[in-house]
């Protein structure tokens, strides 16, 4: 198996060197959820994410969609602008002026009961190797896409969330989980070498399960190239730099169940 992984990794690097990269790259993503937080500021979306949810609303907003906050549930707070109306001295029109910001309590979807929401009906694709995540105690769930990200792995929550039917995205996040098991802990944030390892691993897995295409290869090349540039390497040099660590990740993912 190790020889097969090495050969596949080498083949991908060779295709990068040959310039076999399509210009147009696209993912097939789940529909964007029409929810209030989709229009919030980056700060408030970050606060929502850190609260452990993708959907948070005020008490009345939940009531409007047939859901009710559970007794004893605790809110978290977001920042909302506060406006005042003043008369424009030049033209006499009444205009809104930003006075400042105030906190508003909101509740997570997970802290409500009631009617099901449309996006809760999303089905998780039957990804190859999904049983490996389950074996490691990692939950995998489908989430609405928002064109800012297509998936993530949260080590603290042992959770992979996917907003696309593209196998490569799932493989990328699974590779992060495998890398964490090998290293014990991953560097926080978008570490360049970690991202290159995850993406190169994903491309290998796509080829090995028969899901590789020109589009997925092109997307991987551009993704790796972006992070390689940050560490002042070419995509090819960056792939060679992480070859050994990538093989460790792939060996762990592809190791038969029960084999130590």
Protein backbone atom coordinates (compact mmCIF):
# COMPACT_ATOMS: atom_id res chain seq x y z
CA UNK A 1 0.00 0.00 0.00
CA UNK A 2 2.85 2.41 0.85
CA UNK A 3 4.34 1.96 -2.63
CA UNK A 4 0.96 2.65 -4.19
CA UNK A 5 0.55 5.87 -2.18
CA UNK A 6 4.06 7.04 -3.11
CA UNK A 7 3.39 6.34 -6.77
CA UNK A 8 0.10 8.21 -6.71
CA UNK A 9 1.62 11.24 -4.96
CA UNK A 10 4.46 11.29 -7.49
CA UNK A 11 1.94 11.09 -10.34
CA UNK A 12 0.05 14.10 -9.05
CA UNK A 13 3.23 16.16 -8.73
CA UNK A 14 4.12 15.17 -12.28
CA UNK A 15 0.75 16.34 -13.58
CA UNK A 16 1.30 19.68 -11.82
CA UNK A 17 4.70 20.03 -13.51
CA UNK A 18 3.18 19.28 -16.91
CA UNK A 19 0.74 22.17 -16.51
CA UNK A 20 -2.33 19.96 -16.81
CA UNK A 21 -4.40 22.56 -15.02
CA UNK A 22 -7.83 23.75 -16.20
CA UNK A 23 -8.57 27.46 -16.01
CA UNK A 24 -12.16 27.17 -14.89
CA UNK A 25 -12.78 25.66 -11.47
CA UNK A 26 -16.15 25.11 -9.88
CA UNK A 27 -17.65 23.25 -6.96
CA UNK A 28 -21.17 21.86 -6.82
CA UNK A 29 -22.39 23.26 -3.51
CA UNK A 30 -25.55 22.91 -1.52
CA UNK A 31 -27.95 25.88 -1.79
CA UNK A 32 -27.19 28.87 0.39
CA UNK A 33 -29.49 28.97 3.39
CA UNK A 34 -31.78 32.01 3.51
CA UNK A 35 -31.18 32.84 7.16
CA UNK A 36 -30.61 36.15 8.98
CA UNK A 37 -27.01 35.37 9.98
CA UNK A 38 -26.00 35.00 6.31
CA UNK A 39 -26.27 38.81 6.09
CA UNK A 40 -24.44 39.54 9.32
CA UNK A 41 -21.00 41.11 9.58
CA UNK A 42 -17.90 38.94 9.58
CA UNK A 43 -17.51 39.59 13.31
CA UNK A 44 -21.02 38.43 14.11
CA UNK A 45 -20.71 35.37 11.87
CA UNK A 46 -17.49 34.55 13.69
CA UNK A 47 -19.21 34.90 17.06
CA UNK A 48 -21.94 32.58 15.81
CA UNK A 49 -19.43 30.01 14.66
CA UNK A 50 -17.59 30.17 17.97
CA UNK A 51 -20.90 29.64 19.75
CA UNK A 52 -21.08 26.27 18.01
CA UNK A 53 -23.78 26.92 15.44
CA UNK A 54 -24.40 28.13 11.89
CA UNK A 55 -27.78 29.67 12.68
CA UNK A 56 -28.64 32.04 15.52
CA UNK A 57 -31.60 34.40 15.86
CA UNK A 58 -33.45 36.53 18.33
CA UNK A 59 -36.39 35.18 20.37
CA UNK A 60 -38.99 36.73 18.06
CA UNK A 61 -37.17 35.66 14.90
CA UNK A 62 -37.33 32.02 16.01
CA UNK A 63 -41.01 32.41 16.83
CA UNK A 64 -41.67 33.71 13.29
CA UNK A 65 -40.42 30.42 11.80
CA UNK A 66 -42.32 28.25 14.25
CA UNK A 67 -39.51 27.52 16.65
CA UNK A 68 -39.25 28.32 20.35
CA UNK A 69 -36.29 28.77 22.65
CA UNK A 70 -35.91 25.92 25.13
CA UNK A 71 -36.43 26.69 28.78
CA UNK A 72 -33.12 27.51 30.46
CA UNK A 73 -31.26 28.10 27.18
CA UNK A 74 -28.56 30.75 27.36
CA UNK A 75 -28.11 33.36 24.68
CA UNK A 76 -24.93 34.81 23.29
CA UNK A 77 -24.56 38.37 22.06
CA UNK A 78 -23.83 39.96 18.73
CA UNK A 79 -23.12 43.60 17.88
CA UNK A 80 -25.79 45.52 15.97
CA UNK A 81 -25.71 49.13 14.78
CA UNK A 82 -27.82 51.74 16.54
CA UNK A 83 -29.22 54.52 14.38
CA UNK A 84 -30.91 57.83 15.23
CA UNK A 85 -33.04 60.01 12.96
CA UNK A 86 -31.92 63.60 12.49
CA UNK A 87 -32.94 66.35 10.14
CA UNK A 88 -30.41 67.27 7.49
CA UNK A 89 -29.84 71.00 7.97
CA UNK A 90 -29.04 71.52 4.29
CA UNK A 91 -32.10 69.95 2.66
CA UNK A 92 -34.47 69.40 5.59
CA UNK A 93 -34.75 65.64 4.96
CA UNK A 94 -34.86 63.13 7.81
CA UNK A 95 -31.85 60.84 7.66
CA UNK A 96 -30.51 57.95 9.70
CA UNK A 97 -27.21 58.45 11.48
CA UNK A 98 -25.10 55.76 13.09
CA UNK A 99 -24.94 56.47 16.82
CA UNK A 100 -22.88 53.43 17.73
CA UNK A 101 -23.30 49.73 18.40
CA UNK A 102 -25.19 47.74 20.98
CA UNK A 103 -25.36 44.08 21.98
CA UNK A 104 -28.34 41.96 21.08
CA UNK A 105 -29.00 38.50 22.55
CA UNK A 106 -29.50 35.65 20.08
CA UNK A 107 -30.07 31.93 20.54
CA UNK A 108 -28.56 29.00 18.69
CA UNK A 109 -30.67 26.73 16.54
CA UNK A 110 -29.55 23.86 18.78
CA UNK A 111 -31.25 25.60 21.73
CA UNK A 112 -34.66 25.71 20.06
CA UNK A 113 -37.51 23.29 19.36
CA UNK A 114 -40.32 23.39 16.83
CA UNK A 115 -40.83 23.33 13.08
CA UNK A 116 -38.06 21.90 10.90
CA UNK A 117 -36.20 24.43 8.74
CA UNK A 118 -35.75 23.89 5.01
CA UNK A 119 -31.98 23.56 5.16
CA UNK A 120 -32.22 20.89 7.86
CA UNK A 121 -33.41 18.56 5.12
CA UNK A 122 -29.93 18.49 3.52
CA UNK A 123 -28.64 14.96 3.04
CA UNK A 124 -25.04 14.01 3.56
CA UNK A 125 -23.56 12.35 0.46
CA UNK A 126 -22.34 8.78 0.83
CA UNK A 127 -18.65 9.72 0.79
CA UNK A 128 -16.05 6.99 0.33
CA UNK A 129 -14.02 6.45 3.53
CA UNK A 130 -16.63 8.13 5.71
CA UNK A 131 -16.45 5.07 7.94
CA UNK A 132 -12.88 6.10 8.84
CA UNK A 133 -14.16 9.34 10.40
CA UNK A 134 -16.80 7.38 12.30
CA UNK A 135 -14.13 4.96 13.53
CA UNK A 136 -12.18 7.93 14.92
CA UNK A 137 -15.24 9.29 16.72
CA UNK A 138 -15.67 12.21 14.32
CA UNK A 139 -19.17 13.26 13.31
CA UNK A 140 -19.74 14.30 9.68
CA UNK A 141 -22.65 16.58 8.84
CA UNK A 142 -24.00 18.51 5.88
CA UNK A 143 -24.30 22.28 6.20
CA UNK A 144 -25.64 24.99 3.87
CA UNK A 145 -23.00 26.41 1.54
CA UNK A 146 -22.19 30.10 1.58
CA UNK A 147 -19.40 30.34 -1.03
CA UNK A 148 -16.92 31.41 1.67
CA UNK A 149 -15.98 27.90 2.67
CA UNK A 150 -16.94 24.40 1.58
CA UNK A 151 -16.04 22.47 4.67
CA UNK A 152 -14.14 22.50 7.92
CA UNK A 153 -12.75 20.19 10.56
CA UNK A 154 -13.08 21.31 14.19
CA UNK A 155 -10.65 19.31 16.36
CA UNK A 156 -12.21 20.42 19.63
CA UNK A 157 -15.67 19.30 18.55
CA UNK A 158 -14.47 16.25 16.61
CA UNK A 159 -16.66 17.42 13.75
CA UNK A 160 -16.38 17.59 9.98
CA UNK A 161 -18.91 19.84 8.27
CA UNK A 162 -19.36 19.71 4.50
CA UNK A 163 -21.19 22.15 2.23
CA UNK A 164 -20.60 20.38 -1.07
CA UNK A 165 -21.10 16.99 -2.67
CA UNK A 166 -17.46 17.06 -3.87
CA UNK A 167 -15.53 14.11 -2.42
CA UNK A 168 -12.27 16.06 -2.50
CA UNK A 169 -13.53 18.49 0.12
CA UNK A 170 -14.44 15.66 2.48
CA UNK A 171 -11.06 14.01 1.87
CA UNK A 172 -9.31 17.32 2.64
CA UNK A 173 -11.01 17.58 6.03
CA UNK A 174 -10.48 13.87 6.74
CA UNK A 175 -6.78 14.39 6.03
CA UNK A 176 -6.69 17.19 8.62
CA UNK A 177 -8.21 14.78 11.15
CA UNK A 178 -5.63 12.11 10.29
CA UNK A 179 -2.81 14.64 10.51
CA UNK A 180 -4.02 15.65 13.97
CA UNK A 181 -3.95 12.01 15.09
CA UNK A 182 -0.36 11.73 13.89
CA UNK A 183 0.88 15.04 15.32
CA UNK A 184 -1.25 15.10 18.46
CA UNK A 185 -2.28 18.68 17.76
CA UNK A 186 -2.44 20.87 14.66
CA UNK A 187 -1.27 24.46 14.44
CA UNK A 188 -4.22 26.86 14.76
CA UNK A 189 -5.47 28.71 11.71
CA UNK A 190 -4.66 28.09 8.06
CA UNK A 191 -1.09 26.86 8.38
CA UNK A 192 0.40 26.62 4.89
CA UNK A 193 2.12 23.24 5.23
CA UNK A 194 -0.90 21.68 6.93
CA UNK A 195 -3.17 22.91 4.15
CA UNK A 196 -0.82 21.60 1.45
CA UNK A 197 -0.65 18.19 3.16
CA UNK A 198 -4.45 18.02 3.41
CA UNK A 199 -5.01 19.06 -0.21
CA UNK A 200 -2.33 16.77 -1.64
CA UNK A 201 -3.77 13.90 0.42
CA UNK A 202 -7.25 14.71 -0.88
CA UNK A 203 -6.08 14.60 -4.48
CA UNK A 204 -4.40 11.23 -3.92
CA UNK A 205 -7.58 9.82 -2.34
CA UNK A 206 -9.68 11.15 -5.24
CA UNK A 207 -7.48 9.25 -7.67
CA UNK A 208 -7.42 6.08 -5.62
CA UNK A 209 -11.23 5.90 -5.37
CA UNK A 210 -11.76 6.92 -9.00
CA UNK A 211 -13.10 10.42 -8.36
CA UNK A 212 -10.23 12.39 -9.87
CA UNK A 213 -10.95 14.76 -12.78
CA UNK A 214 -9.30 17.69 -14.55
CA UNK A 215 -11.44 20.07 -12.50
CA UNK A 216 -10.44 18.57 -9.14
CA UNK A 217 -6.78 18.50 -10.18
CA UNK A 218 -6.94 22.15 -11.23
CA UNK A 219 -8.62 23.22 -8.05
CA UNK A 220 -6.01 21.40 -5.96
CA UNK A 221 -3.16 22.98 -7.90
CA UNK A 222 -4.46 26.50 -7.37
CA UNK A 223 -5.19 25.79 -3.70
CA UNK A 224 -1.70 24.40 -3.09
CA UNK A 225 -0.16 27.20 -5.14
CA UNK A 226 -1.79 29.84 -2.98
CA UNK A 227 -0.30 28.39 0.22
CA UNK A 228 3.03 27.56 -1.41
CA UNK A 229 3.40 31.21 -2.39
CA UNK A 230 3.03 32.23 1.25
CA UNK A 231 6.09 30.17 2.18
CA UNK A 232 7.97 31.25 -0.95
CA UNK A 233 7.92 27.87 -2.69
CA UNK A 234 6.61 26.64 -6.02
CA UNK A 235 3.67 24.21 -5.84
CA UNK A 236 5.99 21.41 -6.94
CA UNK A 237 8.61 22.22 -4.29
CA UNK A 238 5.94 22.53 -1.61
CA UNK A 239 4.54 19.09 -2.51
CA UNK A 240 8.00 17.54 -2.35
CA UNK A 241 8.62 19.21 1.03
CA UNK A 242 5.53 17.55 2.56
CA UNK A 243 5.82 14.22 0.74
CA UNK A 244 6.85 12.22 3.83
CA UNK A 245 4.15 13.70 6.07
CA UNK A 246 1.52 13.23 3.36
CA UNK A 247 2.36 9.56 3.09
CA UNK A 248 1.90 9.16 6.86
CA UNK A 249 -1.55 10.77 6.61
CA UNK A 250 -2.57 8.54 3.71
CA UNK A 251 -1.26 5.39 5.36
CA UNK A 252 -3.36 6.13 8.44
CA UNK A 253 -6.51 6.82 6.41
CA UNK A 254 -6.11 3.76 4.22
CA UNK A 255 -4.97 1.37 6.94
CA UNK A 256 -7.43 -1.55 7.25
CA UNK A 257 -9.66 -1.38 10.31
CA UNK A 258 -8.19 -3.18 13.31
CA UNK A 259 -4.61 -3.09 11.99
CA UNK A 260 -2.18 -1.45 14.38
